[in-house]
PDB file of N, CA and C in Angstrom:
ATOM      1  N   MET A   1       1.553  -9.810  26.023  1.00  0.00           N
ATOM      2  CA  MET A   1       1.440  -8.451  25.551  1.00  0.00           C
ATOM      3  C   MET A   1       1.571  -7.528  26.770  1.00  0.00           C
ATOM      4  N   PRO A   2       2.386  -6.468  26.667  1.00  0.00           N
ATOM      5  CA  PRO A   2       2.539  -5.561  27.807  1.00  0.00           C
ATOM      6  C   PRO A   2       1.267  -4.766  28.077  1.00  0.00           C
ATOM      7  N   ASP A   3       1.156  -4.229  29.298  1.00  0.00           N
ATOM      8  CA  ASP A   3      -0.003  -3.410  29.666  1.00  0.00           C
ATOM      9  C   ASP A   3      -0.046  -2.136  28.836  1.00  0.00           C
ATOM     10  N   VAL A   4      -1.261  -1.717  28.464  1.00  0.00           N
ATOM     11  CA  VAL A   4      -1.481  -0.498  27.690  1.00  0.00           C
ATOM     12  C   VAL A   4      -2.629   0.252  28.353  1.00  0.00           C
ATOM     13  N   LEU A   5      -2.483   1.558  28.555  1.00  0.00           N
ATOM     14  CA  LEU A   5      -3.567   2.350  29.126  1.00  0.00           C
ATOM     15  C   LEU A   5      -4.717   2.452  28.138  1.00  0.00           C
ATOM     16  N   ALA A   6      -5.931   2.247  28.624  1.00  0.00           N
ATOM     17  CA  ALA A   6      -7.110   2.258  27.752  1.00  0.00           C
ATOM     18  C   ALA A   6      -7.264   3.578  27.013  1.00  0.00           C
ATOM     19  N   ARG A   7      -6.989   4.693  27.676  1.00  0.00           N
ATOM     20  CA  ARG A   7      -7.186   5.989  27.016  1.00  0.00           C
ATOM     21  C   ARG A   7      -6.254   6.170  25.827  1.00  0.00           C
ATOM     22  N   SER A   8      -5.115   5.472  25.807  1.00  0.00           N
ATOM     23  CA  SER A   8      -4.200   5.587  24.670  1.00  0.00           C
ATOM     24  C   SER A   8      -4.704   4.802  23.459  1.00  0.00           C
ATOM     25  N   LEU A   9      -5.711   3.961  23.662  1.00  0.00           N
ATOM     26  CA  LEU A   9      -6.246   3.149  22.569  1.00  0.00           C
ATOM     27  C   LEU A   9      -7.392   3.823  21.820  1.00  0.00           C
ATOM     28  N   LEU A  10      -8.135   4.701  22.490  1.00  0.00           N
ATOM     29  CA  LEU A  10      -9.291   5.318  21.849  1.00  0.00           C
ATOM     30  C   LEU A  10      -8.871   6.078  20.604  1.00  0.00           C
ATOM     31  N   ASP A  11      -9.649   5.930  19.554  1.00  0.00           N
ATOM     32  CA  ASP A  11      -9.413   6.544  18.246  1.00  0.00           C
ATOM     33  C   ASP A  11      -8.185   5.990  17.533  1.00  0.00           C
ATOM     34  N   LYS A  12      -7.632   4.893  18.015  1.00  0.00           N
ATOM     35  CA  LYS A  12      -6.503   4.242  17.337  1.00  0.00           C
ATOM     36  C   LYS A  12      -7.054   3.426  16.172  1.00  0.00           C
ATOM     37  N   ALA A  13      -6.314   3.404  15.069  1.00  0.00           N
ATOM     38  CA  ALA A  13      -6.718   2.631  13.895  1.00  0.00           C
ATOM     39  C   ALA A  13      -6.684   1.140  14.215  1.00  0.00           C
ATOM     40  N   VAL A  14      -7.650   0.405  13.665  1.00  0.00           N
ATOM     41  CA  VAL A  14      -7.736  -1.041  13.866  1.00  0.00           C
ATOM     42  C   VAL A  14      -7.638  -1.717  12.506  1.00  0.00           C
ATOM     43  N   MET A  15      -6.762  -2.729  12.410  1.00  0.00           N
ATOM     44  CA  MET A  15      -6.601  -3.489  11.170  1.00  0.00           C
ATOM     45  C   MET A  15      -6.798  -4.968  11.459  1.00  0.00           C
ATOM     46  N   GLY A  16      -7.228  -5.676  10.416  1.00  0.00           N
ATOM     47  CA  GLY A  16      -7.294  -7.122  10.500  1.00  0.00           C
ATOM     48  C   GLY A  16      -5.910  -7.697  10.274  1.00  0.00           C
ATOM     49  N   SER A  17      -5.692  -8.922  10.695  1.00  0.00           N
ATOM     50  CA  SER A  17      -4.393  -9.569  10.502  1.00  0.00           C
ATOM     51  C   SER A  17      -4.087  -9.780   9.024  1.00  0.00           C
ATOM     52  N   ASP A  18      -5.109  -9.654   8.182  1.00  0.00           N
ATOM     53  CA  ASP A  18      -4.914  -9.766   6.737  1.00  0.00           C
ATOM     54  C   ASP A  18      -4.568  -8.421   6.095  1.00  0.00           C
ATOM     55  N   GLY A  19      -4.416  -7.366   6.915  1.00  0.00           N
ATOM     56  CA  GLY A  19      -4.050  -6.045   6.409  1.00  0.00           C
ATOM     57  C   GLY A  19      -5.221  -5.132   6.109  1.00  0.00           C
ATOM     58  N   THR A  20      -6.445  -5.625   6.239  1.00  0.00           N
ATOM     59  CA  THR A  20      -7.628  -4.808   5.980  1.00  0.00           C
ATOM     60  C   THR A  20      -7.793  -3.757   7.070  1.00  0.00           C
ATOM     61  N   GLU A  21      -7.929  -2.487   6.680  1.00  0.00           N
ATOM     62  CA  GLU A  21      -8.186  -1.429   7.649  1.00  0.00           C
ATOM     63  C   GLU A  21      -9.669  -1.463   8.000  1.00  0.00           C
ATOM     64  N   LEU A  22      -9.966  -1.706   9.264  1.00  0.00           N
ATOM     65  CA  LEU A  22     -11.350  -1.864   9.704  1.00  0.00           C
ATOM     66  C   LEU A  22     -11.987  -0.543  10.112  1.00  0.00           C
ATOM     67  N   GLY A  23     -11.244   0.306  10.799  1.00  0.00           N
ATOM     68  CA  GLY A  23     -11.784   1.576  11.280  1.00  0.00           C
ATOM     69  C   GLY A  23     -11.002   2.061  12.478  1.00  0.00           C
ATOM     70  N   THR A  24     -11.679   2.775  13.382  1.00  0.00           N
ATOM     71  CA  THR A  24     -11.022   3.282  14.585  1.00  0.00           C
ATOM     72  C   THR A  24     -11.735   2.765  15.830  1.00  0.00           C
ATOM     73  N   LEU A  25     -10.953   2.557  16.882  1.00  0.00           N
ATOM     74  CA  LEU A  25     -11.523   2.049  18.126  1.00  0.00           C
ATOM     75  C   LEU A  25     -12.402   3.112  18.760  1.00  0.00           C
ATOM     76  N   SER A  26     -13.646   2.746  19.007  1.00  0.00           N
ATOM     77  CA  SER A  26     -14.606   3.658  19.620  1.00  0.00           C
ATOM     78  C   SER A  26     -14.628   3.481  21.136  1.00  0.00           C
ATOM     79  N   THR A  27     -14.717   2.222  21.575  1.00  0.00           N
ATOM     80  CA  THR A  27     -14.762   1.920  23.009  1.00  0.00           C
ATOM     81  C   THR A  27     -14.448   0.444  23.205  1.00  0.00           C
ATOM     82  N   VAL A  28     -14.366   0.045  24.455  1.00  0.00           N
ATOM     83  CA  VAL A  28     -14.161  -1.353  24.823  1.00  0.00           C
ATOM     84  C   VAL A  28     -15.263  -1.713  25.814  1.00  0.00           C
ATOM     85  N   THR A  29     -15.938  -2.839  25.584  1.00  0.00           N
ATOM     86  CA  THR A  29     -16.981  -3.265  26.521  1.00  0.00           C
ATOM     87  C   THR A  29     -16.363  -4.164  27.590  1.00  0.00           C
ATOM     88  N   LEU A  30     -16.972  -4.118  28.786  1.00  0.00           N
ATOM     89  CA  LEU A  30     -16.479  -4.949  29.880  1.00  0.00           C
ATOM     90  C   LEU A  30     -17.612  -5.328  30.806  1.00  0.00           C
ATOM     91  N   ASP A  31     -17.362  -6.348  31.600  1.00  0.00           N
ATOM     92  CA  ASP A  31     -18.304  -6.785  32.624  1.00  0.00           C
ATOM     93  C   ASP A  31     -18.081  -5.888  33.836  1.00  0.00           C
ATOM     94  N   SER A  32     -19.079  -5.114  34.220  1.00  0.00           N
ATOM     95  CA  SER A  32     -18.910  -4.144  35.306  1.00  0.00           C
ATOM     96  C   SER A  32     -18.708  -4.800  36.671  1.00  0.00           C
ATOM     97  N   GLU A  33     -19.112  -6.050  36.816  1.00  0.00           N
ATOM     98  CA  GLU A  33     -18.927  -6.731  38.102  1.00  0.00           C
ATOM     99  C   GLU A  33     -17.534  -7.323  38.241  1.00  0.00           C
ATOM    100  N   THR A  34     -17.020  -7.907  37.163  1.00  0.00           N
ATOM    101  CA  THR A  34     -15.717  -8.581  37.240  1.00  0.00           C
ATOM    102  C   THR A  34     -14.578  -7.739  36.673  1.00  0.00           C
ATOM    103  N   GLY A  35     -14.917  -6.761  35.831  1.00  0.00           N
ATOM    104  CA  GLY A  35     -13.885  -5.962  35.174  1.00  0.00           C
ATOM    105  C   GLY A  35     -13.293  -6.642  33.957  1.00  0.00           C
ATOM    106  N   GLN A  36     -13.798  -7.827  33.612  1.00  0.00           N
ATOM    107  CA  GLN A  36     -13.275  -8.562  32.467  1.00  0.00           C
ATOM    108  C   GLN A  36     -13.663  -7.854  31.173  1.00  0.00           C
ATOM    109  N   LEU A  37     -12.666  -7.646  30.297  1.00  0.00           N
ATOM    110  CA  LEU A  37     -12.912  -7.020  29.005  1.00  0.00           C
ATOM    111  C   LEU A  37     -13.607  -8.002  28.075  1.00  0.00           C
ATOM    112  N   HIS A  38     -14.535  -7.492  27.242  1.00  0.00           N
ATOM    113  CA  HIS A  38     -15.277  -8.353  26.321  1.00  0.00           C
ATOM    114  C   HIS A  38     -14.950  -8.070  24.861  1.00  0.00           C
ATOM    115  N   ASP A  39     -15.304  -6.885  24.373  1.00  0.00           N
ATOM    116  CA  ASP A  39     -15.195  -6.595  22.942  1.00  0.00           C
ATOM    117  C   ASP A  39     -14.582  -5.231  22.672  1.00  0.00           C
ATOM    118  N   LEU A  40     -13.886  -5.142  21.531  1.00  0.00           N
ATOM    119  CA  LEU A  40     -13.527  -3.848  20.967  1.00  0.00           C
ATOM    120  C   LEU A  40     -14.727  -3.399  20.152  1.00  0.00           C
ATOM    121  N   VAL A  41     -15.089  -2.145  20.236  1.00  0.00           N
ATOM    122  CA  VAL A  41     -16.168  -1.590  19.423  1.00  0.00           C
ATOM    123  C   VAL A  41     -15.504  -0.613  18.459  1.00  0.00           C
ATOM    124  N   ILE A  42     -15.646  -0.887  17.161  1.00  0.00           N
ATOM    125  CA  ILE A  42     -14.887  -0.187  16.128  1.00  0.00           C
ATOM    126  C   ILE A  42     -15.821   0.578  15.206  1.00  0.00           C
ATOM    127  N   THR A  43     -15.549   1.868  15.035  1.00  0.00           N
ATOM    128  CA  THR A  43     -16.288   2.670  14.060  1.00  0.00           C
ATOM    129  C   THR A  43     -15.709   2.348  12.689  1.00  0.00           C
ATOM    130  N   PRO A  44     -16.517   1.803  11.762  1.00  0.00           N
ATOM    131  CA  PRO A  44     -15.986   1.367  10.473  1.00  0.00           C
ATOM    132  C   PRO A  44     -15.534   2.527   9.591  1.00  0.00           C
ATOM    133  N   ARG A  45     -14.555   2.227   8.751  1.00  0.00           N
ATOM    134  CA  ARG A  45     -14.164   3.163   7.690  1.00  0.00           C
ATOM    135  C   ARG A  45     -15.265   3.112   6.646  1.00  0.00           C
ATOM    136  N   ASN A  46     -15.627   4.242   6.097  1.00  0.00           N
ATOM    137  CA  ASN A  46     -16.726   4.300   5.125  1.00  0.00           C
ATOM    138  C   ASN A  46     -16.504   3.388   3.934  1.00  0.00           C
ATOM    139  N   GLU A  47     -15.300   3.412   3.355  1.00  0.00           N
ATOM    140  CA  GLU A  47     -15.058   2.630   2.142  1.00  0.00           C
ATOM    141  C   GLU A  47     -14.979   1.131   2.400  1.00  0.00           C
ATOM    142  N   ALA A  48     -14.772   0.715   3.641  1.00  0.00           N
ATOM    143  CA  ALA A  48     -14.656  -0.707   3.949  1.00  0.00           C
ATOM    144  C   ALA A  48     -15.964  -1.296   4.457  1.00  0.00           C
ATOM    145  N   GLU A  49     -16.928  -0.462   4.739  1.00  0.00           N
ATOM    146  CA  GLU A  49     -18.120  -0.877   5.475  1.00  0.00           C
ATOM    147  C   GLU A  49     -18.859  -2.063   4.865  1.00  0.00           C
ATOM    148  N   GLY A  50     -19.057  -2.102   3.577  1.00  0.00           N
ATOM    149  CA  GLY A  50     -19.824  -3.182   2.973  1.00  0.00           C
ATOM    150  C   GLY A  50     -19.023  -4.432   2.686  1.00  0.00           C
ATOM    151  N   GLN A  51     -17.705  -4.376   2.854  1.00  0.00           N
ATOM    152  CA  GLN A  51     -16.835  -5.477   2.448  1.00  0.00           C
ATOM    153  C   GLN A  51     -16.393  -6.375   3.594  1.00  0.00           C
ATOM    154  N   ILE A  52     -16.727  -6.022   4.820  1.00  0.00           N
ATOM    155  CA  ILE A  52     -16.186  -6.732   5.972  1.00  0.00           C
ATOM    156  C   ILE A  52     -17.307  -7.463   6.707  1.00  0.00           C
ATOM    157  N   ASP A  53     -17.074  -8.754   6.935  1.00  0.00           N
ATOM    158  CA  ASP A  53     -18.077  -9.594   7.579  1.00  0.00           C
ATOM    159  C   ASP A  53     -17.724  -9.774   9.058  1.00  0.00           C
ATOM    160  N   LEU A  54     -18.121  -8.799   9.870  1.00  0.00           N
ATOM    161  CA  LEU A  54     -17.928  -8.864  11.318  1.00  0.00           C
ATOM    162  C   LEU A  54     -19.257  -8.571  11.997  1.00  0.00           C
ATOM    163  N   GLU A  55     -19.401  -9.042  13.231  1.00  0.00           N
ATOM    164  CA  GLU A  55     -20.616  -8.714  13.986  1.00  0.00           C
ATOM    165  C   GLU A  55     -20.680  -7.212  14.203  1.00  0.00           C
ATOM    166  N   ARG A  56     -21.915  -6.696  14.303  1.00  0.00           N
ATOM    167  CA  ARG A  56     -22.123  -5.265  14.513  1.00  0.00           C
ATOM    168  C   ARG A  56     -23.063  -5.037  15.687  1.00  0.00           C
ATOM    169  N   ASP A  57     -22.918  -3.858  16.304  1.00  0.00           N
ATOM    170  CA  ASP A  57     -23.846  -3.483  17.368  1.00  0.00           C
ATOM    171  C   ASP A  57     -25.033  -2.741  16.760  1.00  0.00           C
ATOM    172  N   ASP A  58     -25.925  -2.231  17.595  1.00  0.00           N
ATOM    173  CA  ASP A  58     -27.132  -1.545  17.117  1.00  0.00           C
ATOM    174  C   ASP A  58     -26.830  -0.264  16.354  1.00  0.00           C
ATOM    175  N   GLU A  59     -25.627   0.284  16.534  1.00  0.00           N
ATOM    176  CA  GLU A  59     -25.243   1.519  15.852  1.00  0.00           C
ATOM    177  C   GLU A  59     -24.416   1.259  14.596  1.00  0.00           C
ATOM    178  N   GLY A  60     -24.267  -0.015  14.219  1.00  0.00           N
ATOM    179  CA  GLY A  60     -23.539  -0.360  13.005  1.00  0.00           C
ATOM    180  C   GLY A  60     -22.037  -0.464  13.179  1.00  0.00           C
ATOM    181  N   ARG A  61     -21.560  -0.360  14.421  1.00  0.00           N
ATOM    182  CA  ARG A  61     -20.127  -0.479  14.673  1.00  0.00           C
ATOM    183  C   ARG A  61     -19.754  -1.953  14.788  1.00  0.00           C
ATOM    184  N   TYR A  62     -18.529  -2.292  14.369  1.00  0.00           N
ATOM    185  CA  TYR A  62     -18.043  -3.662  14.498  1.00  0.00           C
ATOM    186  C   TYR A  62     -17.786  -3.987  15.963  1.00  0.00           C
ATOM    187  N   THR A  63     -18.058  -5.232  16.347  1.00  0.00           N
ATOM    188  CA  THR A  63     -17.678  -5.719  17.671  1.00  0.00           C
ATOM    189  C   THR A  63     -16.749  -6.911  17.476  1.00  0.00           C
ATOM    190  N   VAL A  64     -15.577  -6.834  18.085  1.00  0.00           N
ATOM    191  CA  VAL A  64     -14.559  -7.872  17.936  1.00  0.00           C
ATOM    192  C   VAL A  64     -14.162  -8.341  19.333  1.00  0.00           C
ATOM    193  N   PRO A  65     -14.213  -9.644  19.599  1.00  0.00           N
ATOM    194  CA  PRO A  65     -13.840 -10.146  20.925  1.00  0.00           C
ATOM    195  C   PRO A  65     -12.418  -9.727  21.305  1.00  0.00           C
ATOM    196  N   ILE A  66     -12.225  -9.369  22.553  1.00  0.00           N
ATOM    197  CA  ILE A  66     -10.925  -8.906  23.032  1.00  0.00           C
ATOM    198  C   ILE A  66      -9.848  -9.970  22.819  1.00  0.00           C
ATOM    199  N   GLY A  67     -10.232 -11.234  22.822  1.00  0.00           N
ATOM    200  CA  GLY A  67      -9.279 -12.319  22.596  1.00  0.00           C
ATOM    201  C   GLY A  67      -8.710 -12.349  21.192  1.00  0.00           C
ATOM    202  N   SER A  68      -9.303 -11.597  20.275  1.00  0.00           N
ATOM    203  CA  SER A  68      -8.815 -11.546  18.895  1.00  0.00           C
ATOM    204  C   SER A  68      -7.672 -10.555  18.707  1.00  0.00           C
ATOM    205  N   VAL A  69      -7.387  -9.739  19.740  1.00  0.00           N
ATOM    206  CA  VAL A  69      -6.308  -8.749  19.616  1.00  0.00           C
ATOM    207  C   VAL A  69      -4.973  -9.479  19.537  1.00  0.00           C
ATOM    208  N   GLN A  70      -4.207  -9.184  18.476  1.00  0.00           N
ATOM    209  CA  GLN A  70      -2.910  -9.819  18.282  1.00  0.00           C
ATOM    210  C   GLN A  70      -1.749  -8.887  18.606  1.00  0.00           C
ATOM    211  N   ALA A  71      -1.935  -7.580  18.393  1.00  0.00           N
ATOM    212  CA  ALA A  71      -0.852  -6.625  18.645  1.00  0.00           C
ATOM    213  C   ALA A  71      -1.436  -5.237  18.848  1.00  0.00           C
ATOM    214  N   VAL A  72      -0.723  -4.429  19.634  1.00  0.00           N
ATOM    215  CA  VAL A  72      -1.090  -3.025  19.826  1.00  0.00           C
ATOM    216  C   VAL A  72       0.192  -2.216  19.675  1.00  0.00           C
ATOM    217  N   LYS A  73       0.291  -1.509  18.556  1.00  0.00           N
ATOM    218  CA  LYS A  73       1.439  -0.630  18.305  1.00  0.00           C
ATOM    219  C   LYS A  73       0.889   0.627  17.669  1.00  0.00           C
ATOM    220  N   ASP A  74       1.306   0.917  16.436  1.00  0.00           N
ATOM    221  CA  ASP A  74       0.742   2.060  15.715  1.00  0.00           C
ATOM    222  C   ASP A  74      -0.729   1.812  15.402  1.00  0.00           C
ATOM    223  N   HIS A  75      -1.071   0.546  15.172  1.00  0.00           N
ATOM    224  CA  HIS A  75      -2.440   0.098  14.932  1.00  0.00           C
ATOM    225  C   HIS A  75      -2.763  -0.969  15.971  1.00  0.00           C
ATOM    226  N   ILE A  76      -4.042  -1.227  16.136  1.00  0.00           N
ATOM    227  CA  ILE A  76      -4.474  -2.414  16.872  1.00  0.00           C
ATOM    228  C   ILE A  76      -4.716  -3.475  15.809  1.00  0.00           C
ATOM    229  N   VAL A  77      -4.078  -4.625  15.936  1.00  0.00           N
ATOM    230  CA  VAL A  77      -4.239  -5.702  14.959  1.00  0.00           C
ATOM    231  C   VAL A  77      -5.097  -6.787  15.585  1.00  0.00           C
ATOM    232  N   VAL A  78      -6.161  -7.177  14.856  1.00  0.00           N
ATOM    233  CA  VAL A  78      -7.061  -8.226  15.337  1.00  0.00           C
ATOM    234  C   VAL A  78      -7.095  -9.366  14.335  1.00  0.00           C
ATOM    235  N   GLY A  79      -7.233 -10.587  14.841  1.00  0.00           N
ATOM    236  CA  GLY A  79      -7.335 -11.762  13.985  1.00  0.00           C
ATOM    237  C   GLY A  79      -8.625 -11.742  13.201  1.00  0.00           C
ATOM    238  N   ARG A  80      -8.541 -12.224  11.960  1.00  0.00           N
ATOM    239  CA  ARG A  80      -9.726 -12.265  11.099  1.00  0.00           C
ATOM    240  C   ARG A  80      -9.910 -13.649  10.547  1.00  0.00           C
TER     241      ARG A  80
END
């Protein structure tokens, strides 16, 4: 996958590989010592919130491991 600037990803729509719209990218977590990326943090869409079985943070946002990213174009596509 080619390099993408992080700022171009914020507020980008995130979908599952099954076509489910998950929400919008809120932030990306990383290890501050190594710089290694860990998780996408996604603000859920209201209508999808109760139907999606993903891990959540303390604020109710989805957390998806960075290794699940399959594509970054008009949407960010993550494996489900």
